[in-house]
Amino acid sequence: MNPLREMFLHHDWATRTLFDRCRALPAADLQQTVPGTYGTILGTLVHLVSGDQLYLELMTGKPEMAPIRGEVSHRSPCSRRPSSWDRPAGKP
């Protein structure tokens, strides 16, 4: 077992699960602030994805093709889920 790989697989699963659940919410709910979030729910999702994009850029040296940093409008992170997320982590 590779602990780093297992950590990334769990992070991948948790992020997908969170986005799937949030995708089912009405847009108005995503604008709510709840304890434990980074501002609004939508703001928290943007924060999570932009952080992941930044770490990926730092590890690969390649900029993200569709960065969502600072884009906290409507349902951006939920609706702009990359098609690559439809594959399990580690699969091309």
PDB file of N, CA and C in Angstrom:
ATOM      1  N   MET A   1       0.837  -1.179   0.000  1.00  0.00           N
ATOM      2  CA  MET A   1       0.000   0.000   0.000  1.00  0.00           C
ATOM      3  C   MET A   1       0.884   1.245   0.000  1.00  0.00           C
ATOM      4  N   ASN A   2       0.538   2.189  -0.852  1.00  0.00           N
ATOM      5  CA  ASN A   2       1.258   3.452  -0.955  1.00  0.00           C
ATOM      6  C   ASN A   2       0.413   4.515  -0.236  1.00  0.00           C
ATOM      7  N   PRO A   3       0.861   4.987   0.934  1.00  0.00           N
ATOM      8  CA  PRO A   3       0.060   5.944   1.706  1.00  0.00           C
ATOM      9  C   PRO A   3      -0.274   7.233   0.953  1.00  0.00           C
ATOM     10  N   LEU A   4       0.676   7.745   0.170  1.00  0.00           N
ATOM     11  CA  LEU A   4       0.411   8.976  -0.573  1.00  0.00           C
ATOM     12  C   LEU A   4      -0.676   8.745  -1.625  1.00  0.00           C
ATOM     13  N   ARG A   5      -0.581   7.620  -2.324  1.00  0.00           N
ATOM     14  CA  ARG A   5      -1.605   7.289  -3.332  1.00  0.00           C
ATOM     15  C   ARG A   5      -2.964   7.119  -2.665  1.00  0.00           C
ATOM     16  N   GLU A   6      -2.990   6.430  -1.540  1.00  0.00           N
ATOM     17  CA  GLU A   6      -4.254   6.225  -0.817  1.00  0.00           C
ATOM     18  C   GLU A   6      -4.847   7.560  -0.369  1.00  0.00           C
ATOM     19  N   MET A   7      -4.001   8.490   0.058  1.00  0.00           N
ATOM     20  CA  MET A   7      -4.474   9.804   0.471  1.00  0.00           C
ATOM     21  C   MET A   7      -5.123  10.534  -0.709  1.00  0.00           C
ATOM     22  N   PHE A   8      -4.478  10.494  -1.871  1.00  0.00           N
ATOM     23  CA  PHE A   8      -5.039  11.160  -3.044  1.00  0.00           C
ATOM     24  C   PHE A   8      -6.322  10.486  -3.518  1.00  0.00           C
ATOM     25  N   LEU A   9      -6.375   9.162  -3.449  1.00  0.00           N
ATOM     26  CA  LEU A   9      -7.606   8.463  -3.825  1.00  0.00           C
ATOM     27  C   LEU A   9      -8.762   8.859  -2.906  1.00  0.00           C
ATOM     28  N   HIS A  10      -8.487   8.987  -1.617  1.00  0.00           N
ATOM     29  CA  HIS A  10      -9.530   9.406  -0.681  1.00  0.00           C
ATOM     30  C   HIS A  10      -9.956  10.842  -0.968  1.00  0.00           C
ATOM     31  N   HIS A  11      -8.992  11.716  -1.209  1.00  0.00           N
ATOM     32  CA  HIS A  11      -9.306  13.109  -1.527  1.00  0.00           C
ATOM     33  C   HIS A  11     -10.164  13.180  -2.793  1.00  0.00           C
ATOM     34  N   ASP A  12      -9.825  12.402  -3.787  1.00  0.00           N
ATOM     35  CA  ASP A  12     -10.586  12.343  -5.028  1.00  0.00           C
ATOM     36  C   ASP A  12     -12.025  11.900  -4.746  1.00  0.00           C
ATOM     37  N   TRP A  13     -12.183  10.838  -3.991  1.00  0.00           N
ATOM     38  CA  TRP A  13     -13.515  10.337  -3.639  1.00  0.00           C
ATOM     39  C   TRP A  13     -14.310  11.391  -2.866  1.00  0.00           C
ATOM     40  N   ALA A  14     -13.695  11.999  -1.875  1.00  0.00           N
ATOM     41  CA  ALA A  14     -14.399  12.979  -1.040  1.00  0.00           C
ATOM     42  C   ALA A  14     -14.823  14.198  -1.859  1.00  0.00           C
ATOM     43  N   THR A  15     -13.962  14.670  -2.738  1.00  0.00           N
ATOM     44  CA  THR A  15     -14.287  15.835  -3.561  1.00  0.00           C
ATOM     45  C   THR A  15     -15.427  15.517  -4.515  1.00  0.00           C
ATOM     46  N   ARG A  16     -15.366  14.361  -5.172  1.00  0.00           N
ATOM     47  CA  ARG A  16     -16.441  13.958  -6.078  1.00  0.00           C
ATOM     48  C   ARG A  16     -17.770  13.842  -5.324  1.00  0.00           C
ATOM     49  N   THR A  17     -17.738  13.250  -4.151  1.00  0.00           N
ATOM     50  CA  THR A  17     -18.956  13.080  -3.361  1.00  0.00           C
ATOM     51  C   THR A  17     -19.535  14.426  -2.970  1.00  0.00           C
ATOM     52  N   LEU A  18     -18.690  15.331  -2.515  1.00  0.00           N
ATOM     53  CA  LEU A  18     -19.136  16.664  -2.119  1.00  0.00           C
ATOM     54  C   LEU A  18     -19.774  17.398  -3.293  1.00  0.00           C
ATOM     55  N   PHE A  19     -19.130  17.370  -4.454  1.00  0.00           N
ATOM     56  CA  PHE A  19     -19.677  18.058  -5.619  1.00  0.00           C
ATOM     57  C   PHE A  19     -20.971  17.416  -6.097  1.00  0.00           C
ATOM     58  N   ASP A  20     -21.050  16.103  -6.057  1.00  0.00           N
ATOM     59  CA  ASP A  20     -22.295  15.439  -6.459  1.00  0.00           C
ATOM     60  C   ASP A  20     -23.447  15.849  -5.553  1.00  0.00           C
ATOM     61  N   ARG A  21     -23.193  15.925  -4.264  1.00  0.00           N
ATOM     62  CA  ARG A  21     -24.238  16.349  -3.327  1.00  0.00           C
ATOM     63  C   ARG A  21     -24.620  17.803  -3.538  1.00  0.00           C
ATOM     64  N   CYS A  22     -23.637  18.658  -3.748  1.00  0.00           N
ATOM     65  CA  CYS A  22     -23.913  20.089  -3.939  1.00  0.00           C
ATOM     66  C   CYS A  22     -24.602  20.359  -5.271  1.00  0.00           C
ATOM     67  N   ARG A  23     -24.331  19.543  -6.269  1.00  0.00           N
ATOM     68  CA  ARG A  23     -24.968  19.724  -7.575  1.00  0.00           C
ATOM     69  C   ARG A  23     -26.478  19.579  -7.460  1.00  0.00           C
ATOM     70  N   ALA A  24     -26.947  18.790  -6.511  1.00  0.00           N
ATOM     71  CA  ALA A  24     -28.381  18.566  -6.327  1.00  0.00           C
ATOM     72  C   ALA A  24     -29.068  19.709  -5.575  1.00  0.00           C
ATOM     73  N   LEU A  25     -28.288  20.617  -5.001  1.00  0.00           N
ATOM     74  CA  LEU A  25     -28.873  21.723  -4.231  1.00  0.00           C
ATOM     75  C   LEU A  25     -29.355  22.847  -5.143  1.00  0.00           C
ATOM     76  N   PRO A  26     -30.402  23.552  -4.730  1.00  0.00           N
ATOM     77  CA  PRO A  26     -30.807  24.749  -5.474  1.00  0.00           C
ATOM     78  C   PRO A  26     -29.691  25.799  -5.388  1.00  0.00           C
ATOM     79  N   ALA A  27     -29.577  26.630  -6.428  1.00  0.00           N
ATOM     80  CA  ALA A  27     -28.520  27.646  -6.477  1.00  0.00           C
ATOM     81  C   ALA A  27     -28.548  28.549  -5.247  1.00  0.00           C
ATOM     82  N   ALA A  28     -29.752  28.874  -4.758  1.00  0.00           N
ATOM     83  CA  ALA A  28     -29.860  29.756  -3.584  1.00  0.00           C
ATOM     84  C   ALA A  28     -29.203  29.118  -2.357  1.00  0.00           C
ATOM     85  N   ASP A  29     -29.288  27.807  -2.231  1.00  0.00           N
ATOM     86  CA  ASP A  29     -28.663  27.131  -1.084  1.00  0.00           C
ATOM     87  C   ASP A  29     -27.142  27.250  -1.127  1.00  0.00           C
ATOM     88  N   LEU A  30     -26.583  27.279  -2.324  1.00  0.00           N
ATOM     89  CA  LEU A  30     -25.130  27.386  -2.453  1.00  0.00           C
ATOM     90  C   LEU A  30     -24.615  28.754  -2.009  1.00  0.00           C
ATOM     91  N   GLN A  31     -25.502  29.716  -1.896  1.00  0.00           N
ATOM     92  CA  GLN A  31     -25.120  31.055  -1.444  1.00  0.00           C
ATOM     93  C   GLN A  31     -25.221  31.197   0.080  1.00  0.00           C
ATOM     94  N   GLN A  32     -25.633  30.141   0.749  1.00  0.00           N
ATOM     95  CA  GLN A  32     -25.763  30.172   2.206  1.00  0.00           C
ATOM     96  C   GLN A  32     -24.395  30.026   2.877  1.00  0.00           C
ATOM     97  N   THR A  33     -24.282  30.643   4.029  1.00  0.00           N
ATOM     98  CA  THR A  33     -23.090  30.483   4.866  1.00  0.00           C
ATOM     99  C   THR A  33     -23.470  29.571   6.014  1.00  0.00           C
ATOM    100  N   VAL A  34     -22.692  28.533   6.215  1.00  0.00           N
ATOM    101  CA  VAL A  34     -22.940  27.587   7.306  1.00  0.00           C
ATOM    102  C   VAL A  34     -21.643  27.380   8.073  1.00  0.00           C
ATOM    103  N   PRO A  35     -21.740  26.995   9.344  1.00  0.00           N
ATOM    104  CA  PRO A  35     -20.509  26.765  10.117  1.00  0.00           C
ATOM    105  C   PRO A  35     -19.596  25.746   9.428  1.00  0.00           C
ATOM    106  N   GLY A  36     -18.325  26.043   9.422  1.00  0.00           N
ATOM    107  CA  GLY A  36     -17.340  25.126   8.852  1.00  0.00           C
ATOM    108  C   GLY A  36     -17.042  25.358   7.385  1.00  0.00           C
ATOM    109  N   THR A  37     -17.668  26.392   6.784  1.00  0.00           N
ATOM    110  CA  THR A  37     -17.404  26.667   5.377  1.00  0.00           C
ATOM    111  C   THR A  37     -16.511  27.890   5.239  1.00  0.00           C
ATOM    112  N   TYR A  38     -15.995  28.072   4.040  1.00  0.00           N
ATOM    113  CA  TYR A  38     -15.129  29.200   3.705  1.00  0.00           C
ATOM    114  C   TYR A  38     -16.023  30.256   3.063  1.00  0.00           C
ATOM    115  N   GLY A  39     -16.761  30.984   3.899  1.00  0.00           N
ATOM    116  CA  GLY A  39     -17.761  31.923   3.370  1.00  0.00           C
ATOM    117  C   GLY A  39     -19.014  31.146   3.012  1.00  0.00           C
ATOM    118  N   THR A  40     -19.493  31.323   1.785  1.00  0.00           N
ATOM    119  CA  THR A  40     -20.671  30.585   1.336  1.00  0.00           C
ATOM    120  C   THR A  40     -20.270  29.153   0.973  1.00  0.00           C
ATOM    121  N   ILE A  41     -21.265  28.307   0.784  1.00  0.00           N
ATOM    122  CA  ILE A  41     -20.986  26.935   0.336  1.00  0.00           C
ATOM    123  C   ILE A  41     -20.270  26.986  -1.012  1.00  0.00           C
ATOM    124  N   LEU A  42     -20.763  27.830  -1.910  1.00  0.00           N
ATOM    125  CA  LEU A  42     -20.132  27.974  -3.216  1.00  0.00           C
ATOM    126  C   LEU A  42     -18.699  28.481  -3.081  1.00  0.00           C
ATOM    127  N   GLY A  43     -18.492  29.448  -2.200  1.00  0.00           N
ATOM    128  CA  GLY A  43     -17.147  29.954  -1.962  1.00  0.00           C
ATOM    129  C   GLY A  43     -16.209  28.867  -1.451  1.00  0.00           C
ATOM    130  N   THR A  44     -16.735  27.973  -0.628  1.00  0.00           N
ATOM    131  CA  THR A  44     -15.940  26.863  -0.118  1.00  0.00           C
ATOM    132  C   THR A  44     -15.552  25.919  -1.252  1.00  0.00           C
ATOM    133  N   LEU A  45     -16.486  25.645  -2.152  1.00  0.00           N
ATOM    134  CA  LEU A  45     -16.188  24.768  -3.285  1.00  0.00           C
ATOM    135  C   LEU A  45     -15.116  25.387  -4.185  1.00  0.00           C
ATOM    136  N   VAL A  46     -15.238  26.677  -4.435  1.00  0.00           N
ATOM    137  CA  VAL A  46     -14.229  27.374  -5.242  1.00  0.00           C
ATOM    138  C   VAL A  46     -12.872  27.314  -4.537  1.00  0.00           C
ATOM    139  N   HIS A  47     -12.872  27.517  -3.237  1.00  0.00           N
ATOM    140  CA  HIS A  47     -11.638  27.457  -2.451  1.00  0.00           C
ATOM    141  C   HIS A  47     -10.990  26.073  -2.564  1.00  0.00           C
ATOM    142  N   LEU A  48     -11.780  25.021  -2.454  1.00  0.00           N
ATOM    143  CA  LEU A  48     -11.246  23.658  -2.555  1.00  0.00           C
ATOM    144  C   LEU A  48     -10.636  23.395  -3.928  1.00  0.00           C
ATOM    145  N   VAL A  49     -11.369  23.728  -4.971  1.00  0.00           N
ATOM    146  CA  VAL A  49     -10.891  23.445  -6.325  1.00  0.00           C
ATOM    147  C   VAL A  49      -9.697  24.317  -6.691  1.00  0.00           C
ATOM    148  N   SER A  50      -9.736  25.589  -6.333  1.00  0.00           N
ATOM    149  CA  SER A  50      -8.601  26.452  -6.684  1.00  0.00           C
ATOM    150  C   SER A  50      -7.343  26.011  -5.939  1.00  0.00           C
ATOM    151  N   GLY A  51      -7.510  25.532  -4.703  1.00  0.00           N
ATOM    152  CA  GLY A  51      -6.359  24.992  -3.975  1.00  0.00           C
ATOM    153  C   GLY A  51      -5.793  23.765  -4.656  1.00  0.00           C
ATOM    154  N   ASP A  52      -6.683  22.868  -5.084  1.00  0.00           N
ATOM    155  CA  ASP A  52      -6.225  21.674  -5.802  1.00  0.00           C
ATOM    156  C   ASP A  52      -5.522  22.057  -7.103  1.00  0.00           C
ATOM    157  N   GLN A  53      -6.082  23.040  -7.820  1.00  0.00           N
ATOM    158  CA  GLN A  53      -5.453  23.480  -9.064  1.00  0.00           C
ATOM    159  C   GLN A  53      -4.060  24.046  -8.802  1.00  0.00           C
ATOM    160  N   LEU A  54      -3.935  24.841  -7.750  1.00  0.00           N
ATOM    161  CA  LEU A  54      -2.640  25.424  -7.429  1.00  0.00           C
ATOM    162  C   LEU A  54      -1.619  24.338  -7.088  1.00  0.00           C
ATOM    163  N   TYR A  55      -2.021  23.360  -6.259  1.00  0.00           N
ATOM    164  CA  TYR A  55      -1.093  22.270  -5.909  1.00  0.00           C
ATOM    165  C   TYR A  55      -0.694  21.480  -7.151  1.00  0.00           C
ATOM    166  N   LEU A  56      -1.646  21.227  -8.038  1.00  0.00           N
ATOM    167  CA  LEU A  56      -1.340  20.486  -9.255  1.00  0.00           C
ATOM    168  C   LEU A  56      -0.357  21.267 -10.135  1.00  0.00           C
ATOM    169  N   GLU A  57      -0.581  22.572 -10.254  1.00  0.00           N
ATOM    170  CA  GLU A  57       0.345  23.408 -11.021  1.00  0.00           C
ATOM    171  C   GLU A  57       1.748  23.376 -10.421  1.00  0.00           C
ATOM    172  N   LEU A  58       1.831  23.440  -9.101  1.00  0.00           N
ATOM    173  CA  LEU A  58       3.135  23.423  -8.438  1.00  0.00           C
ATOM    174  C   LEU A  58       3.845  22.086  -8.631  1.00  0.00           C
ATOM    175  N   MET A  59       3.086  20.984  -8.615  1.00  0.00           N
ATOM    176  CA  MET A  59       3.692  19.653  -8.759  1.00  0.00           C
ATOM    177  C   MET A  59       4.079  19.337 -10.200  1.00  0.00           C
ATOM    178  N   THR A  60       3.291  19.825 -11.165  1.00  0.00           N
ATOM    179  CA  THR A  60       3.539  19.467 -12.562  1.00  0.00           C
ATOM    180  C   THR A  60       4.257  20.547 -13.352  1.00  0.00           C
ATOM    181  N   GLY A  61       4.186  21.794 -12.867  1.00  0.00           N
ATOM    182  CA  GLY A  61       4.761  22.904 -13.608  1.00  0.00           C
ATOM    183  C   GLY A  61       3.897  23.348 -14.775  1.00  0.00           C
ATOM    184  N   LYS A  62       2.704  22.778 -14.891  1.00  0.00           N
ATOM    185  CA  LYS A  62       1.797  23.124 -15.986  1.00  0.00           C
ATOM    186  C   LYS A  62       0.598  23.879 -15.430  1.00  0.00           C
ATOM    187  N   PRO A  63       0.282  25.038 -16.005  1.00  0.00           N
ATOM    188  CA  PRO A  63      -0.892  25.776 -15.526  1.00  0.00           C
ATOM    189  C   PRO A  63      -2.188  25.066 -15.897  1.00  0.00           C
ATOM    190  N   GLU A  64      -3.189  25.195 -15.060  1.00  0.00           N
ATOM    191  CA  GLU A  64      -4.508  24.619 -15.320  1.00  0.00           C
ATOM    192  C   GLU A  64      -5.100  25.300 -16.544  1.00  0.00           C
ATOM    193  N   MET A  65      -5.706  24.532 -17.427  1.00  0.00           N
ATOM    194  CA  MET A  65      -6.255  25.098 -18.656  1.00  0.00           C
ATOM    195  C   MET A  65      -7.522  25.915 -18.414  1.00  0.00           C
ATOM    196  N   ALA A  66      -8.272  25.597 -17.368  1.00  0.00           N
ATOM    197  CA  ALA A  66      -9.515  26.324 -17.083  1.00  0.00           C
ATOM    198  C   ALA A  66      -9.573  26.653 -15.592  1.00  0.00           C
ATOM    199  N   PRO A  67      -8.687  27.557 -15.126  1.00  0.00           N
ATOM    200  CA  PRO A  67      -8.683  27.857 -13.689  1.00  0.00           C
ATOM    201  C   PRO A  67      -9.990  28.497 -13.250  1.00  0.00           C
ATOM    202  N   ILE A  68     -10.413  28.188 -12.009  1.00  0.00           N
ATOM    203  CA  ILE A  68     -11.649  28.781 -11.535  1.00  0.00           C
ATOM    204  C   ILE A  68     -11.385  29.725 -10.371  1.00  0.00           C
ATOM    205  N   ARG A  69     -10.128  30.046 -10.115  1.00  0.00           N
ATOM    206  CA  ARG A  69      -9.793  30.939  -9.008  1.00  0.00           C
ATOM    207  C   ARG A  69     -10.609  32.222  -9.046  1.00  0.00           C
ATOM    208  N   GLY A  70     -11.179  32.553  -7.919  1.00  0.00           N
ATOM    209  CA  GLY A  70     -11.899  33.796  -7.785  1.00  0.00           C
ATOM    210  C   GLY A  70     -13.266  33.821  -8.452  1.00  0.00           C
ATOM    211  N   GLU A  71     -13.650  32.744  -9.075  1.00  0.00           N
ATOM    212  CA  GLU A  71     -14.903  32.689  -9.809  1.00  0.00           C
ATOM    213  C   GLU A  71     -16.007  32.170  -8.889  1.00  0.00           C
ATOM    214  N   VAL A  72     -16.635  33.066  -8.170  1.00  0.00           N
ATOM    215  CA  VAL A  72     -17.648  32.669  -7.195  1.00  0.00           C
ATOM    216  C   VAL A  72     -19.002  33.186  -7.650  1.00  0.00           C
ATOM    217  N   SER A  73     -19.441  32.734  -8.782  1.00  0.00           N
ATOM    218  CA  SER A  73     -20.739  33.162  -9.270  1.00  0.00           C
ATOM    219  C   SER A  73     -21.555  31.955  -9.699  1.00  0.00           C
ATOM    220  N   HIS A  74     -22.822  32.032  -9.519  1.00  0.00           N
ATOM    221  CA  HIS A  74     -23.803  31.014  -9.877  1.00  0.00           C
ATOM    222  C   HIS A  74     -23.366  29.659  -9.331  1.00  0.00           C
ATOM    223  N   ARG A  75     -23.162  28.669 -10.187  1.00  0.00           N
ATOM    224  CA  ARG A  75     -22.828  27.315  -9.749  1.00  0.00           C
ATOM    225  C   ARG A  75     -21.485  26.876 -10.339  1.00  0.00           C
ATOM    226  N   SER A  76     -20.580  27.808 -10.551  1.00  0.00           N
ATOM    227  CA  SER A  76     -19.363  27.542 -11.306  1.00  0.00           C
ATOM    228  C   SER A  76     -18.659  26.226 -11.001  1.00  0.00           C
ATOM    229  N   PRO A  77     -18.255  25.929  -9.770  1.00  0.00           N
ATOM    230  CA  PRO A  77     -17.498  24.696  -9.593  1.00  0.00           C
ATOM    231  C   PRO A  77     -18.335  23.451  -9.824  1.00  0.00           C
ATOM    232  N   CYS A  78     -19.629  23.507  -9.528  1.00  0.00           N
ATOM    233  CA  CYS A  78     -20.482  22.334  -9.724  1.00  0.00           C
ATOM    234  C   CYS A  78     -20.735  22.091 -11.207  1.00  0.00           C
ATOM    235  N   SER A  79     -20.989  23.150 -11.949  1.00  0.00           N
ATOM    236  CA  SER A  79     -21.337  22.987 -13.355  1.00  0.00           C
ATOM    237  C   SER A  79     -20.112  22.828 -14.241  1.00  0.00           C
ATOM    238  N   ARG A  80     -18.938  23.254 -13.773  1.00  0.00           N
ATOM    239  CA  ARG A  80     -17.732  23.202 -14.596  1.00  0.00           C
ATOM    240  C   ARG A  80     -16.848  22.023 -14.233  1.00  0.00           C
ATOM    241  N   ARG A  81     -17.419  20.999 -13.685  1.00  0.00           N
ATOM    242  CA  ARG A  81     -16.637  19.823 -13.320  1.00  0.00           C
ATOM    243  C   ARG A  81     -15.965  19.266 -14.565  1.00  0.00           C
ATOM    244  N   PRO A  82     -14.639  19.141 -14.539  1.00  0.00           N
ATOM    245  CA  PRO A  82     -13.928  18.645 -15.721  1.00  0.00           C
ATOM    246  C   PRO A  82     -14.370  17.239 -16.097  1.00  0.00           C
ATOM    247  N   SER A  83     -14.373  16.928 -17.386  1.00  0.00           N
ATOM    248  CA  SER A  83     -14.763  15.588 -17.833  1.00  0.00           C
ATOM    249  C   SER A  83     -13.807  14.535 -17.277  1.00  0.00           C
ATOM    250  N   SER A  84     -12.578  14.934 -16.963  1.00  0.00           N
ATOM    251  CA  SER A  84     -11.614  13.971 -16.410  1.00  0.00           C
ATOM    252  C   SER A  84     -12.060  13.450 -15.050  1.00  0.00           C
ATOM    253  N   TRP A  85     -12.986  14.172 -14.384  1.00  0.00           N
ATOM    254  CA  TRP A  85     -13.483  13.708 -13.090  1.00  0.00           C
ATOM    255  C   TRP A  85     -14.392  12.505 -13.239  1.00  0.00           C
ATOM    256  N   ASP A  86     -14.800  12.188 -14.457  1.00  0.00           N
ATOM    257  CA  ASP A  86     -15.654  11.033 -14.672  1.00  0.00           C
ATOM    258  C   ASP A  86     -14.846   9.747 -14.660  1.00  0.00           C
ATOM    259  N   ARG A  87     -13.530   9.874 -14.591  1.00  0.00           N
ATOM    260  CA  ARG A  87     -12.654   8.705 -14.503  1.00  0.00           C
ATOM    261  C   ARG A  87     -12.121   8.615 -13.070  1.00  0.00           C
ATOM    262  N   PRO A  88     -11.911   7.406 -12.588  1.00  0.00           N
ATOM    263  CA  PRO A  88     -11.297   7.279 -11.252  1.00  0.00           C
ATOM    264  C   PRO A  88      -9.891   7.883 -11.257  1.00  0.00           C
ATOM    265  N   ALA A  89      -9.463   8.347 -10.108  1.00  0.00           N
ATOM    266  CA  ALA A  89      -8.135   8.942  -9.986  1.00  0.00           C
ATOM    267  C   ALA A  89      -7.070   7.944 -10.460  1.00  0.00           C
ATOM    268  N   GLY A  90      -6.061   8.457 -11.113  1.00  0.00           N
ATOM    269  CA  GLY A  90      -4.961   7.629 -11.558  1.00  0.00           C
ATOM    270  C   GLY A  90      -5.190   6.948 -12.885  1.00  0.00           C
ATOM    271  N   LYS A  91      -6.369   7.155 -13.499  1.00  0.00           N
ATOM    272  CA  LYS A  91      -6.655   6.549 -14.793  1.00  0.00           C
ATOM    273  C   LYS A  91      -6.589   7.632 -15.870  1.00  0.00           C
ATOM    274  N   PRO A  92      -5.910   7.381 -16.983  1.00  0.00           N
ATOM    275  CA  PRO A  92      -5.807   8.390 -18.059  1.00  0.00           C
ATOM    276  C   PRO A  92      -7.143   8.599 -18.773  1.00  0.00           C
TER     277      PRO A  92
END
